[in-house]
């Protein structure tokens, strides 16, 4: 038990370091993993400061080439893409700058907003589910029952919601990636020649 607690604490302490390399961006293109295009541009949605002090200013446009498109896998592992950033335009400074490293890559995944109430509910369910197995399924059934889907009965909605949030649903494959112009995304930078867990300092 002591080792488990130490491991959890280490993970919690490491989280901010990983976040240093993840930038919130907005897509300037439409994209579908079923019919992909290979030149994509993203606009920095929030000013981001890297560990060594380098800053990506809000509004900066990052041009990229798609290098990898994953496939949907069982365990609800959704499709994501890996891009190679080629250059960036900084409108506020009227500057264009090329990225020098040929090994610079970025993983693109959807940015899913979650409000504080949802986060608290999920945290509470996870904690309670750990202590009282099956409680989380009952909770999600009630949530679906209380807010039925359009065209579905309360019982059907409750059952579907409980299934979606149960371990059973993880036998399903993940989803294809569909991006609309204007969608917010997470852009996680890394050097393909270095271990993924290593802290990324700068572009």
N, C-alpha and C. Protein backbone atom coordinates (compact mmCIF):
# COMPACT_ATOMS: atom_id res chain seq x y z
N UNK A 1 0.83 -1.21 0.00
CA UNK A 1 0.00 0.00 0.00
C UNK A 1 0.87 1.27 0.00
N UNK A 2 1.96 1.19 0.77
CA UNK A 2 2.87 2.34 0.87
C UNK A 2 3.48 2.64 -0.49
N UNK A 3 3.88 1.58 -1.23
CA UNK A 3 4.47 1.76 -2.56
C UNK A 3 3.46 2.38 -3.52
N UNK A 4 2.20 1.94 -3.40
CA UNK A 4 1.13 2.46 -4.27
C UNK A 4 0.94 3.96 -4.06
N UNK A 5 0.91 4.38 -2.79
CA UNK A 5 0.73 5.80 -2.46
C UNK A 5 1.89 6.63 -2.99
N UNK A 6 3.11 6.11 -2.84
CA UNK A 6 4.31 6.82 -3.33
C UNK A 6 4.24 6.96 -4.85
N UNK A 7 3.80 5.90 -5.54
CA UNK A 7 3.68 5.93 -7.01
C UNK A 7 2.69 6.99 -7.45
N UNK A 8 1.54 7.04 -6.75
CA UNK A 8 0.51 8.04 -7.09
C UNK A 8 1.05 9.45 -6.89
N UNK A 9 1.74 9.67 -5.79
CA UNK A 9 2.30 11.00 -5.51
C UNK A 9 3.31 11.40 -6.58
N UNK A 10 4.13 10.45 -7.03
CA UNK A 10 5.12 10.73 -8.08
C UNK A 10 4.42 11.13 -9.38
N UNK A 11 3.34 10.44 -9.71
CA UNK A 11 2.59 10.76 -10.93
C UNK A 11 1.99 12.15 -10.84
N UNK A 12 1.42 12.48 -9.68
CA UNK A 12 0.82 13.80 -9.49
C UNK A 12 1.86 14.90 -9.59
N UNK A 13 3.05 14.63 -9.05
CA UNK A 13 4.12 15.63 -9.10
C UNK A 13 4.64 15.80 -10.53
N UNK A 14 4.57 14.73 -11.31
CA UNK A 14 5.10 14.78 -12.68
C UNK A 14 4.16 15.45 -13.66
N UNK A 15 2.86 15.48 -13.37
CA UNK A 15 1.87 15.99 -14.31
C UNK A 15 2.15 17.40 -14.82
N UNK A 16 2.45 18.41 -13.96
CA UNK A 16 2.72 19.74 -14.48
C UNK A 16 3.88 19.78 -15.47
N UNK A 17 4.88 18.92 -15.27
CA UNK A 17 6.03 18.90 -16.18
C UNK A 17 5.61 18.48 -17.58
N UNK A 18 4.76 17.45 -17.67
CA UNK A 18 4.27 17.00 -18.96
C UNK A 18 3.45 18.09 -19.62
N UNK A 19 2.67 18.81 -18.82
CA UNK A 19 1.79 19.85 -19.35
C UNK A 19 2.59 20.98 -20.00
N UNK A 20 3.86 21.13 -19.63
CA UNK A 20 4.69 22.21 -20.17
C UNK A 20 4.83 22.13 -21.69
N UNK A 21 4.71 20.92 -22.24
CA UNK A 21 4.91 20.76 -23.68
C UNK A 21 3.60 20.75 -24.48
N UNK A 22 2.48 20.88 -23.79
CA UNK A 22 1.18 20.82 -24.45
C UNK A 22 0.58 22.21 -24.62
N UNK A 23 0.29 22.55 -25.88
CA UNK A 23 -0.21 23.89 -26.22
C UNK A 23 -1.66 23.78 -26.70
N UNK A 24 -2.50 24.70 -26.25
CA UNK A 24 -3.88 24.75 -26.70
C UNK A 24 -3.93 25.51 -28.03
N UNK A 25 -4.45 24.85 -29.07
CA UNK A 25 -4.50 25.47 -30.39
C UNK A 25 -5.90 25.37 -30.98
N UNK A 26 -6.11 26.12 -32.05
CA UNK A 26 -7.38 26.09 -32.77
C UNK A 26 -7.09 25.71 -34.22
N UNK A 27 -7.87 24.76 -34.76
CA UNK A 27 -7.63 24.29 -36.12
C UNK A 27 -8.07 25.34 -37.14
N UNK A 28 -7.26 25.52 -38.17
CA UNK A 28 -7.61 26.42 -39.27
C UNK A 28 -8.08 25.64 -40.49
N UNK A 29 -8.22 24.30 -40.32
CA UNK A 29 -8.65 23.44 -41.42
C UNK A 29 -9.68 22.43 -40.94
N UNK A 30 -10.40 21.86 -41.89
CA UNK A 30 -11.21 20.67 -41.62
C UNK A 30 -10.32 19.45 -41.85
N UNK A 31 -10.56 18.38 -41.09
CA UNK A 31 -9.73 17.17 -41.24
C UNK A 31 -10.56 15.95 -40.88
N UNK A 32 -10.38 14.87 -41.64
CA UNK A 32 -11.00 13.58 -41.32
C UNK A 32 -9.95 12.50 -41.52
N UNK A 33 -9.83 11.60 -40.55
CA UNK A 33 -8.85 10.52 -40.67
C UNK A 33 -9.27 9.52 -41.75
N UNK A 34 -10.53 9.57 -42.18
CA UNK A 34 -11.00 8.68 -43.24
C UNK A 34 -10.60 9.19 -44.62
N UNK A 35 -10.56 10.54 -44.76
CA UNK A 35 -10.12 11.15 -46.03
C UNK A 35 -9.15 12.27 -45.68
N UNK A 36 -7.94 11.92 -45.27
CA UNK A 36 -7.02 12.93 -44.72
C UNK A 36 -6.38 13.84 -45.76
N UNK A 37 -6.04 15.04 -45.29
CA UNK A 37 -5.17 15.93 -46.04
C UNK A 37 -3.89 16.02 -45.23
N UNK A 38 -2.80 16.45 -45.86
CA UNK A 38 -1.50 16.31 -45.20
C UNK A 38 -0.80 17.63 -44.89
N UNK A 39 -1.48 18.74 -45.10
CA UNK A 39 -0.95 20.05 -44.70
C UNK A 39 -2.00 20.73 -43.82
N UNK A 40 -1.67 20.90 -42.55
CA UNK A 40 -2.61 21.49 -41.59
C UNK A 40 -1.98 22.67 -40.88
N UNK A 41 -2.82 23.65 -40.55
CA UNK A 41 -2.36 24.83 -39.80
C UNK A 41 -3.17 24.98 -38.53
N UNK A 42 -2.50 25.45 -37.49
CA UNK A 42 -3.14 25.63 -36.19
C UNK A 42 -2.78 27.00 -35.63
N UNK A 43 -3.75 27.61 -34.96
CA UNK A 43 -3.51 28.92 -34.34
C UNK A 43 -3.43 28.75 -32.83
N UNK A 44 -2.39 29.29 -32.24
CA UNK A 44 -2.22 29.20 -30.79
C UNK A 44 -3.35 29.97 -30.11
N UNK A 45 -4.13 29.25 -29.28
CA UNK A 45 -5.32 29.85 -28.65
C UNK A 45 -5.02 30.54 -27.33
N UNK A 46 -3.90 30.18 -26.74
CA UNK A 46 -3.53 30.74 -25.43
C UNK A 46 -2.01 30.82 -25.35
N UNK A 47 -1.49 31.98 -24.99
CA UNK A 47 -0.03 32.15 -24.90
C UNK A 47 0.58 31.05 -24.03
N UNK A 48 1.63 30.42 -24.54
CA UNK A 48 2.23 29.28 -23.84
C UNK A 48 3.73 29.51 -23.64
N UNK A 49 4.17 29.37 -22.39
CA UNK A 49 5.58 29.56 -22.06
C UNK A 49 6.22 28.21 -21.77
N UNK A 50 7.30 27.90 -22.50
CA UNK A 50 8.01 26.63 -22.29
C UNK A 50 8.97 26.75 -21.11
N UNK A 51 9.50 25.61 -20.70
CA UNK A 51 10.33 25.54 -19.49
C UNK A 51 11.54 26.47 -19.53
N UNK A 52 12.15 26.64 -20.72
CA UNK A 52 13.35 27.47 -20.78
C UNK A 52 13.05 28.95 -21.03
N UNK A 53 11.74 29.29 -21.05
CA UNK A 53 11.36 30.69 -21.21
C UNK A 53 10.86 31.06 -22.60
N UNK A 54 11.04 30.16 -23.60
CA UNK A 54 10.55 30.44 -24.94
C UNK A 54 9.02 30.51 -24.91
N UNK A 55 8.47 31.49 -25.61
CA UNK A 55 7.02 31.70 -25.57
C UNK A 55 6.39 31.61 -26.95
N UNK A 56 5.29 30.89 -27.01
CA UNK A 56 4.45 30.87 -28.21
C UNK A 56 3.30 31.83 -27.94
N UNK A 57 3.27 32.94 -28.67
CA UNK A 57 2.26 33.96 -28.41
C UNK A 57 0.90 33.56 -28.97
N UNK A 58 -0.14 34.00 -28.29
CA UNK A 58 -1.51 33.78 -28.75
C UNK A 58 -1.66 34.39 -30.15
N UNK A 59 -2.29 33.65 -31.06
CA UNK A 59 -2.48 34.14 -32.42
C UNK A 59 -1.43 33.65 -33.40
N UNK A 60 -0.33 33.07 -32.88
CA UNK A 60 0.72 32.53 -33.75
C UNK A 60 0.15 31.36 -34.56
N UNK A 61 0.42 31.35 -35.86
CA UNK A 61 -0.07 30.28 -36.73
C UNK A 61 1.07 29.28 -36.98
N UNK A 62 0.84 28.01 -36.65
CA UNK A 62 1.84 26.95 -36.83
C UNK A 62 1.43 26.09 -38.03
N UNK A 63 2.28 26.04 -39.04
CA UNK A 63 2.02 25.23 -40.22
C UNK A 63 2.70 23.87 -40.06
N UNK A 64 2.01 22.81 -40.45
CA UNK A 64 2.53 21.46 -40.21
C UNK A 64 2.27 20.52 -41.39
N UNK A 65 3.00 19.40 -41.35
CA UNK A 65 2.76 18.29 -42.28
C UNK A 65 2.39 17.06 -41.46
N UNK A 66 1.34 16.38 -41.87
CA UNK A 66 0.91 15.18 -41.16
C UNK A 66 1.88 14.03 -41.46
N UNK A 67 2.44 13.45 -40.40
CA UNK A 67 3.42 12.37 -40.55
C UNK A 67 2.85 10.99 -40.20
N UNK A 68 1.82 10.98 -39.34
CA UNK A 68 1.29 9.69 -38.88
C UNK A 68 -0.19 9.84 -38.53
N UNK A 69 -0.98 8.84 -38.93
CA UNK A 69 -2.39 8.77 -38.55
C UNK A 69 -2.60 7.38 -37.94
N UNK A 70 -2.97 7.32 -36.68
CA UNK A 70 -3.17 6.02 -36.02
C UNK A 70 -4.51 5.42 -36.45
N UNK A 71 -4.73 4.18 -36.07
CA UNK A 71 -5.99 3.52 -36.35
C UNK A 71 -6.78 3.37 -35.05
N UNK A 72 -8.12 3.35 -35.15
CA UNK A 72 -8.91 3.13 -33.93
C UNK A 72 -8.65 1.73 -33.39
N UNK A 73 -8.43 1.61 -32.07
CA UNK A 73 -8.12 0.31 -31.48
C UNK A 73 -9.08 0.00 -30.35
N UNK A 74 -9.16 -1.28 -30.03
CA UNK A 74 -10.01 -1.69 -28.91
C UNK A 74 -9.50 -1.05 -27.63
N UNK A 75 -10.42 -0.87 -26.69
CA UNK A 75 -10.06 -0.17 -25.47
C UNK A 75 -10.40 1.31 -25.60
N UNK A 76 -11.28 1.61 -26.59
CA UNK A 76 -11.71 3.00 -26.83
C UNK A 76 -10.54 3.93 -27.12
N UNK A 77 -9.51 3.38 -27.79
CA UNK A 77 -8.36 4.22 -28.14
C UNK A 77 -8.64 4.90 -29.47
N UNK A 78 -8.97 6.18 -29.37
CA UNK A 78 -9.36 6.95 -30.54
C UNK A 78 -8.17 7.27 -31.44
N UNK A 79 -8.47 7.60 -32.68
CA UNK A 79 -7.45 7.99 -33.65
C UNK A 79 -6.84 9.33 -33.23
N UNK A 80 -5.53 9.46 -33.40
CA UNK A 80 -4.88 10.76 -33.25
C UNK A 80 -3.86 10.90 -34.38
N UNK A 81 -3.39 12.11 -34.59
CA UNK A 81 -2.40 12.32 -35.64
C UNK A 81 -1.12 12.90 -35.05
N UNK A 82 -0.02 12.63 -35.74
CA UNK A 82 1.28 13.21 -35.39
C UNK A 82 1.70 14.10 -36.55
N UNK A 83 2.04 15.33 -36.24
CA UNK A 83 2.44 16.28 -37.29
C UNK A 83 3.87 16.76 -37.06
N UNK A 84 4.49 17.19 -38.15
CA UNK A 84 5.82 17.80 -38.09
C UNK A 84 5.66 19.31 -38.33
N UNK A 85 5.85 20.15 -37.29
CA UNK A 85 5.74 21.60 -37.48
C UNK A 85 6.86 22.11 -38.40
N UNK A 86 6.50 22.82 -39.46
CA UNK A 86 7.51 23.29 -40.42
C UNK A 86 7.90 24.75 -40.19
N UNK A 87 6.90 25.61 -39.97
CA UNK A 87 7.19 27.02 -39.72
C UNK A 87 6.02 27.66 -38.98
N UNK A 88 6.26 28.88 -38.50
CA UNK A 88 5.18 29.60 -37.80
C UNK A 88 5.18 31.07 -38.19
N UNK A 89 3.98 31.65 -38.22
CA UNK A 89 3.79 33.07 -38.49
C UNK A 89 3.32 33.75 -37.21
N UNK A 90 3.99 34.85 -36.85
CA UNK A 90 3.61 35.60 -35.65
C UNK A 90 3.02 36.93 -36.10
N UNK A 91 1.69 37.01 -36.27
CA UNK A 91 1.04 38.22 -36.79
C UNK A 91 1.36 39.48 -36.00
N UNK A 92 1.43 39.36 -34.68
CA UNK A 92 1.67 40.54 -33.83
C UNK A 92 3.02 41.18 -34.13
N UNK A 93 3.98 40.37 -34.61
CA UNK A 93 5.33 40.90 -34.90
C UNK A 93 5.64 40.93 -36.40
N UNK A 94 4.68 40.48 -37.21
CA UNK A 94 4.89 40.39 -38.66
C UNK A 94 6.15 39.58 -38.98
N UNK A 95 6.27 38.44 -38.27
CA UNK A 95 7.46 37.59 -38.43
C UNK A 95 7.06 36.19 -38.90
N UNK A 96 7.94 35.57 -39.68
CA UNK A 96 7.78 34.18 -40.06
C UNK A 96 9.07 33.47 -39.67
N UNK A 97 8.93 32.31 -39.02
CA UNK A 97 10.12 31.60 -38.54
C UNK A 97 9.99 30.11 -38.84
N UNK A 98 11.06 29.52 -39.36
CA UNK A 98 11.07 28.09 -39.63
C UNK A 98 11.52 27.33 -38.38
N UNK A 99 10.96 26.15 -38.18
CA UNK A 99 11.42 25.28 -37.11
C UNK A 99 12.66 24.54 -37.61
N UNK A 100 13.73 24.62 -36.88
CA UNK A 100 15.01 24.09 -37.35
C UNK A 100 15.15 22.58 -37.21
N UNK A 101 14.60 22.01 -36.16
CA UNK A 101 14.80 20.59 -35.90
C UNK A 101 13.92 19.71 -36.78
N UNK A 102 14.53 18.79 -37.54
CA UNK A 102 13.73 17.86 -38.35
C UNK A 102 13.07 16.78 -37.50
N UNK A 103 13.48 16.73 -36.22
CA UNK A 103 12.94 15.71 -35.32
C UNK A 103 11.81 16.23 -34.44
N UNK A 104 11.43 17.49 -34.64
CA UNK A 104 10.35 18.07 -33.84
C UNK A 104 9.01 17.52 -34.32
N UNK A 105 8.24 16.95 -33.41
CA UNK A 105 6.92 16.40 -33.73
C UNK A 105 5.90 16.91 -32.73
N UNK A 106 4.63 16.75 -33.08
CA UNK A 106 3.56 17.14 -32.15
C UNK A 106 2.38 16.20 -32.32
N UNK A 107 1.87 15.72 -31.20
CA UNK A 107 0.70 14.84 -31.20
C UNK A 107 -0.54 15.72 -31.08
N UNK A 108 -1.51 15.51 -31.98
CA UNK A 108 -2.74 16.32 -31.99
C UNK A 108 -3.91 15.48 -31.50
N UNK A 109 -4.57 15.94 -30.44
CA UNK A 109 -5.75 15.26 -29.90
C UNK A 109 -6.82 16.31 -29.58
N UNK A 110 -8.09 15.90 -29.55
CA UNK A 110 -9.16 16.86 -29.22
C UNK A 110 -9.01 17.43 -27.82
N UNK A 111 -9.44 18.66 -27.66
CA UNK A 111 -9.45 19.30 -26.33
C UNK A 111 -10.86 19.18 -25.80
N UNK A 112 -11.02 18.36 -24.77
CA UNK A 112 -12.36 18.14 -24.20
C UNK A 112 -12.53 18.99 -22.95
N UNK A 113 -13.46 19.91 -23.05
CA UNK A 113 -13.71 20.79 -21.90
C UNK A 113 -14.50 20.04 -20.83
N UNK A 114 -14.13 20.25 -19.59
CA UNK A 114 -14.88 19.68 -18.48
C UNK A 114 -14.99 20.74 -17.39
N UNK A 115 -16.22 21.07 -17.01
CA UNK A 115 -16.37 22.10 -15.98
C UNK A 115 -16.07 21.52 -14.60
N UNK A 116 -15.98 22.40 -13.62
CA UNK A 116 -15.59 21.97 -12.27
C UNK A 116 -16.59 20.98 -11.67
N UNK A 117 -17.89 21.18 -11.98
CA UNK A 117 -18.91 20.29 -11.43
C UNK A 117 -18.74 18.88 -11.98
N UNK A 118 -18.50 18.77 -13.31
CA UNK A 118 -18.29 17.46 -13.93
C UNK A 118 -17.05 16.78 -13.37
N UNK A 119 -15.97 17.56 -13.22
CA UNK A 119 -14.72 17.01 -12.70
C UNK A 119 -14.92 16.48 -11.28
N UNK A 120 -15.66 17.24 -10.46
CA UNK A 120 -15.92 16.83 -9.08
C UNK A 120 -16.76 15.56 -9.04
N UNK A 121 -17.77 15.49 -9.94
CA UNK A 121 -18.62 14.30 -9.99
C UNK A 121 -17.83 13.08 -10.40
N UNK A 122 -16.99 13.22 -11.44
CA UNK A 122 -16.19 12.08 -11.90
C UNK A 122 -15.22 11.62 -10.82
N UNK A 123 -14.61 12.60 -10.12
CA UNK A 123 -13.69 12.28 -9.05
C UNK A 123 -14.38 11.54 -7.92
N UNK A 124 -15.59 12.01 -7.58
CA UNK A 124 -16.35 11.39 -6.50
C UNK A 124 -16.75 9.98 -6.87
N UNK A 125 -17.20 9.80 -8.12
CA UNK A 125 -17.62 8.47 -8.57
C UNK A 125 -16.44 7.51 -8.58
N UNK A 126 -15.28 7.97 -9.06
CA UNK A 126 -14.09 7.12 -9.09
C UNK A 126 -13.70 6.69 -7.70
N UNK A 127 -13.69 7.65 -6.77
CA UNK A 127 -13.29 7.35 -5.40
C UNK A 127 -14.28 6.40 -4.75
N UNK A 128 -15.59 6.65 -4.95
CA UNK A 128 -16.61 5.81 -4.35
C UNK A 128 -16.62 4.44 -4.99
N UNK A 129 -16.43 4.42 -6.32
CA UNK A 129 -16.40 3.15 -7.04
C UNK A 129 -15.27 2.26 -6.56
N UNK A 130 -14.18 2.86 -6.11
CA UNK A 130 -13.04 2.10 -5.60
C UNK A 130 -13.40 1.44 -4.27
N UNK A 131 -14.16 2.17 -3.44
CA UNK A 131 -14.52 1.66 -2.12
C UNK A 131 -15.72 0.73 -2.20
N UNK A 132 -16.75 1.11 -3.02
CA UNK A 132 -17.97 0.31 -3.14
C UNK A 132 -18.13 -0.09 -4.60
N UNK A 133 -17.58 -1.23 -5.02
CA UNK A 133 -17.67 -1.65 -6.43
C UNK A 133 -19.11 -1.66 -6.93
N UNK A 134 -19.34 -1.16 -8.12
CA UNK A 134 -20.68 -1.14 -8.71
C UNK A 134 -21.44 0.14 -8.47
N UNK A 135 -20.98 0.96 -7.52
CA UNK A 135 -21.70 2.21 -7.23
C UNK A 135 -21.68 3.15 -8.43
N UNK A 136 -20.53 3.21 -9.13
CA UNK A 136 -20.42 4.12 -10.26
C UNK A 136 -21.41 3.77 -11.37
N UNK A 137 -21.64 2.46 -11.62
CA UNK A 137 -22.61 2.06 -12.64
C UNK A 137 -24.02 2.51 -12.26
N UNK A 138 -24.35 2.38 -10.97
CA UNK A 138 -25.67 2.83 -10.50
C UNK A 138 -25.81 4.34 -10.68
N UNK A 139 -24.72 5.04 -10.41
CA UNK A 139 -24.73 6.50 -10.55
C UNK A 139 -24.97 6.89 -12.00
N UNK A 140 -24.25 6.26 -12.94
CA UNK A 140 -24.39 6.60 -14.36
C UNK A 140 -25.75 6.15 -14.91
N UNK A 141 -26.29 5.05 -14.37
CA UNK A 141 -27.64 4.63 -14.78
C UNK A 141 -28.64 5.72 -14.39
N UNK A 142 -28.52 6.21 -13.16
CA UNK A 142 -29.45 7.26 -12.70
C UNK A 142 -29.31 8.52 -13.55
N UNK A 143 -28.06 8.89 -13.90
CA UNK A 143 -27.84 10.09 -14.73
C UNK A 143 -28.53 9.95 -16.08
N UNK A 144 -28.44 8.75 -16.69
CA UNK A 144 -29.10 8.51 -17.98
C UNK A 144 -30.61 8.46 -17.83
N UNK A 145 -31.06 7.86 -16.73
CA UNK A 145 -32.50 7.75 -16.47
C UNK A 145 -33.11 9.13 -16.27
N UNK A 146 -32.39 9.97 -15.55
CA UNK A 146 -32.88 11.31 -15.22
C UNK A 146 -32.85 12.25 -16.43
N UNK A 147 -31.92 12.00 -17.38
CA UNK A 147 -31.81 12.83 -18.60
C UNK A 147 -31.86 11.93 -19.83
N UNK A 148 -33.05 11.41 -20.17
CA UNK A 148 -33.15 10.44 -21.28
C UNK A 148 -32.74 11.02 -22.63
N UNK A 149 -32.15 10.16 -23.47
CA UNK A 149 -31.77 10.57 -24.82
C UNK A 149 -33.01 10.78 -25.66
N UNK A 150 -32.89 11.61 -26.68
CA UNK A 150 -34.02 11.89 -27.56
C UNK A 150 -34.45 10.60 -28.26
N UNK A 151 -35.74 10.28 -28.15
CA UNK A 151 -36.27 9.09 -28.81
C UNK A 151 -36.05 7.80 -28.04
N UNK A 152 -35.45 7.89 -26.84
CA UNK A 152 -35.19 6.70 -26.02
C UNK A 152 -35.97 6.78 -24.71
N UNK A 153 -36.36 5.61 -24.20
CA UNK A 153 -37.06 5.59 -22.91
C UNK A 153 -36.06 5.87 -21.79
N UNK A 154 -36.58 6.16 -20.61
CA UNK A 154 -35.70 6.42 -19.46
C UNK A 154 -34.85 5.19 -19.11
N UNK A 155 -35.47 3.99 -19.16
CA UNK A 155 -34.74 2.78 -18.83
C UNK A 155 -33.62 2.51 -19.85
N UNK A 156 -33.95 2.69 -21.14
CA UNK A 156 -32.94 2.48 -22.19
C UNK A 156 -31.81 3.47 -22.06
N UNK A 157 -32.14 4.73 -21.78
CA UNK A 157 -31.12 5.77 -21.62
C UNK A 157 -30.22 5.49 -20.42
N UNK A 158 -30.85 5.04 -19.33
CA UNK A 158 -30.08 4.70 -18.13
C UNK A 158 -29.11 3.56 -18.39
N UNK A 159 -29.61 2.51 -19.08
CA UNK A 159 -28.77 1.36 -19.40
C UNK A 159 -27.62 1.71 -20.32
N UNK A 160 -27.90 2.54 -21.35
CA UNK A 160 -26.86 2.94 -22.30
C UNK A 160 -25.78 3.76 -21.61
N UNK A 161 -26.20 4.67 -20.72
CA UNK A 161 -25.24 5.53 -20.03
C UNK A 161 -24.38 4.72 -19.06
N UNK A 162 -24.97 3.75 -18.38
CA UNK A 162 -24.21 2.90 -17.46
C UNK A 162 -23.20 2.07 -18.24
N UNK A 163 -23.61 1.56 -19.42
CA UNK A 163 -22.71 0.75 -20.25
C UNK A 163 -21.54 1.58 -20.76
N UNK A 164 -21.85 2.80 -21.24
CA UNK A 164 -20.80 3.67 -21.80
C UNK A 164 -19.71 3.97 -20.78
N UNK A 165 -20.08 4.01 -19.51
CA UNK A 165 -19.13 4.35 -18.45
C UNK A 165 -18.68 3.15 -17.64
N UNK A 166 -18.85 1.95 -18.21
CA UNK A 166 -18.43 0.73 -17.51
C UNK A 166 -17.22 0.12 -18.19
N UNK A 167 -16.51 -0.77 -17.50
CA UNK A 167 -15.35 -1.44 -18.11
C UNK A 167 -15.73 -2.25 -19.35
N UNK A 168 -16.99 -2.71 -19.43
CA UNK A 168 -17.43 -3.50 -20.59
C UNK A 168 -17.29 -2.74 -21.90
N UNK A 169 -17.50 -1.41 -21.83
CA UNK A 169 -17.46 -0.60 -23.06
C UNK A 169 -16.07 -0.55 -23.67
N UNK A 170 -15.05 -0.93 -22.90
CA UNK A 170 -13.68 -0.82 -23.40
C UNK A 170 -13.31 -1.93 -24.39
N UNK A 171 -14.24 -2.87 -24.65
CA UNK A 171 -13.98 -3.85 -25.70
C UNK A 171 -14.23 -3.20 -27.07
N UNK A 172 -14.91 -2.06 -27.07
CA UNK A 172 -15.21 -1.37 -28.32
C UNK A 172 -13.97 -0.66 -28.87
N UNK A 173 -13.98 -0.47 -30.17
CA UNK A 173 -12.90 0.28 -30.80
C UNK A 173 -13.11 1.77 -30.57
N UNK A 174 -12.00 2.52 -30.70
CA UNK A 174 -12.08 3.97 -30.57
C UNK A 174 -12.72 4.60 -31.81
N UNK A 175 -12.76 5.92 -31.82
CA UNK A 175 -13.41 6.65 -32.91
C UNK A 175 -12.39 7.21 -33.89
N UNK A 176 -12.86 7.42 -35.12
CA UNK A 176 -12.06 8.13 -36.11
C UNK A 176 -11.92 9.59 -35.66
N UNK A 177 -10.91 10.26 -36.18
CA UNK A 177 -10.68 11.66 -35.81
C UNK A 177 -11.31 12.58 -36.86
N UNK A 178 -12.22 13.44 -36.40
CA UNK A 178 -12.83 14.43 -37.28
C UNK A 178 -12.65 15.80 -36.65
N UNK A 179 -12.02 16.69 -37.37
CA UNK A 179 -11.75 18.05 -36.88
C UNK A 179 -12.45 19.05 -37.79
N UNK A 180 -13.12 19.99 -37.18
CA UNK A 180 -13.74 21.07 -37.95
C UNK A 180 -12.93 22.34 -37.75
N UNK A 181 -12.92 23.19 -38.76
CA UNK A 181 -12.23 24.47 -38.64
C UNK A 181 -12.78 25.22 -37.43
N UNK A 182 -11.89 25.67 -36.56
CA UNK A 182 -12.31 26.37 -35.35
C UNK A 182 -12.31 25.50 -34.10
N UNK A 183 -12.18 24.17 -34.27
CA UNK A 183 -12.15 23.28 -33.11
C UNK A 183 -10.88 23.52 -32.28
N UNK A 184 -11.02 23.39 -30.95
CA UNK A 184 -9.86 23.50 -30.07
C UNK A 184 -9.22 22.12 -29.91
N UNK A 185 -7.88 22.11 -29.93
CA UNK A 185 -7.13 20.86 -29.88
C UNK A 185 -5.95 21.00 -28.93
N UNK A 186 -5.40 19.84 -28.52
CA UNK A 186 -4.17 19.84 -27.73
C UNK A 186 -3.02 19.45 -28.65
N UNK A 187 -1.96 20.25 -28.62
CA UNK A 187 -0.79 20.01 -29.46
C UNK A 187 0.40 19.75 -28.53
N UNK A 188 0.79 18.47 -28.43
CA UNK A 188 1.86 18.11 -27.51
C UNK A 188 3.16 17.93 -28.27
N UNK A 189 4.11 18.82 -28.05
CA UNK A 189 5.40 18.79 -28.75
C UNK A 189 6.34 17.75 -28.12
N UNK A 190 7.13 17.11 -28.96
CA UNK A 190 8.17 16.20 -28.46
C UNK A 190 9.23 16.00 -29.54
N UNK A 191 10.38 15.53 -29.11
CA UNK A 191 11.48 15.20 -30.02
C UNK A 191 11.42 13.71 -30.28
N UNK A 192 11.25 13.31 -31.55
CA UNK A 192 11.08 11.89 -31.87
C UNK A 192 12.31 11.05 -31.55
N UNK A 193 13.46 11.68 -31.33
CA UNK A 193 14.69 10.95 -31.01
C UNK A 193 14.91 10.77 -29.51
N UNK A 194 14.00 11.31 -28.72
CA UNK A 194 14.16 11.21 -27.27
C UNK A 194 12.96 10.49 -26.66
N UNK A 195 13.13 9.91 -25.47
CA UNK A 195 12.02 9.21 -24.82
C UNK A 195 10.82 10.14 -24.62
N UNK A 196 9.59 9.60 -24.84
CA UNK A 196 8.38 10.42 -24.74
C UNK A 196 8.18 11.03 -23.36
N UNK A 197 8.70 10.34 -22.31
CA UNK A 197 8.48 10.82 -20.95
C UNK A 197 9.40 11.97 -20.59
N UNK A 198 10.45 12.20 -21.40
CA UNK A 198 11.41 13.25 -21.08
C UNK A 198 10.78 14.62 -21.24
N UNK A 199 11.04 15.52 -20.33
CA UNK A 199 10.43 16.85 -20.35
C UNK A 199 10.90 17.62 -21.58
N UNK A 200 9.96 18.17 -22.31
CA UNK A 200 10.30 18.94 -23.50
C UNK A 200 10.48 20.40 -23.09
N UNK A 201 11.64 20.96 -23.38
CA UNK A 201 11.97 22.28 -22.87
C UNK A 201 11.56 23.42 -23.79
N UNK A 202 11.79 23.26 -25.09
CA UNK A 202 11.55 24.39 -25.99
C UNK A 202 11.48 23.96 -27.44
N UNK A 203 10.97 24.85 -28.30
CA UNK A 203 10.98 24.61 -29.74
C UNK A 203 12.34 24.92 -30.31
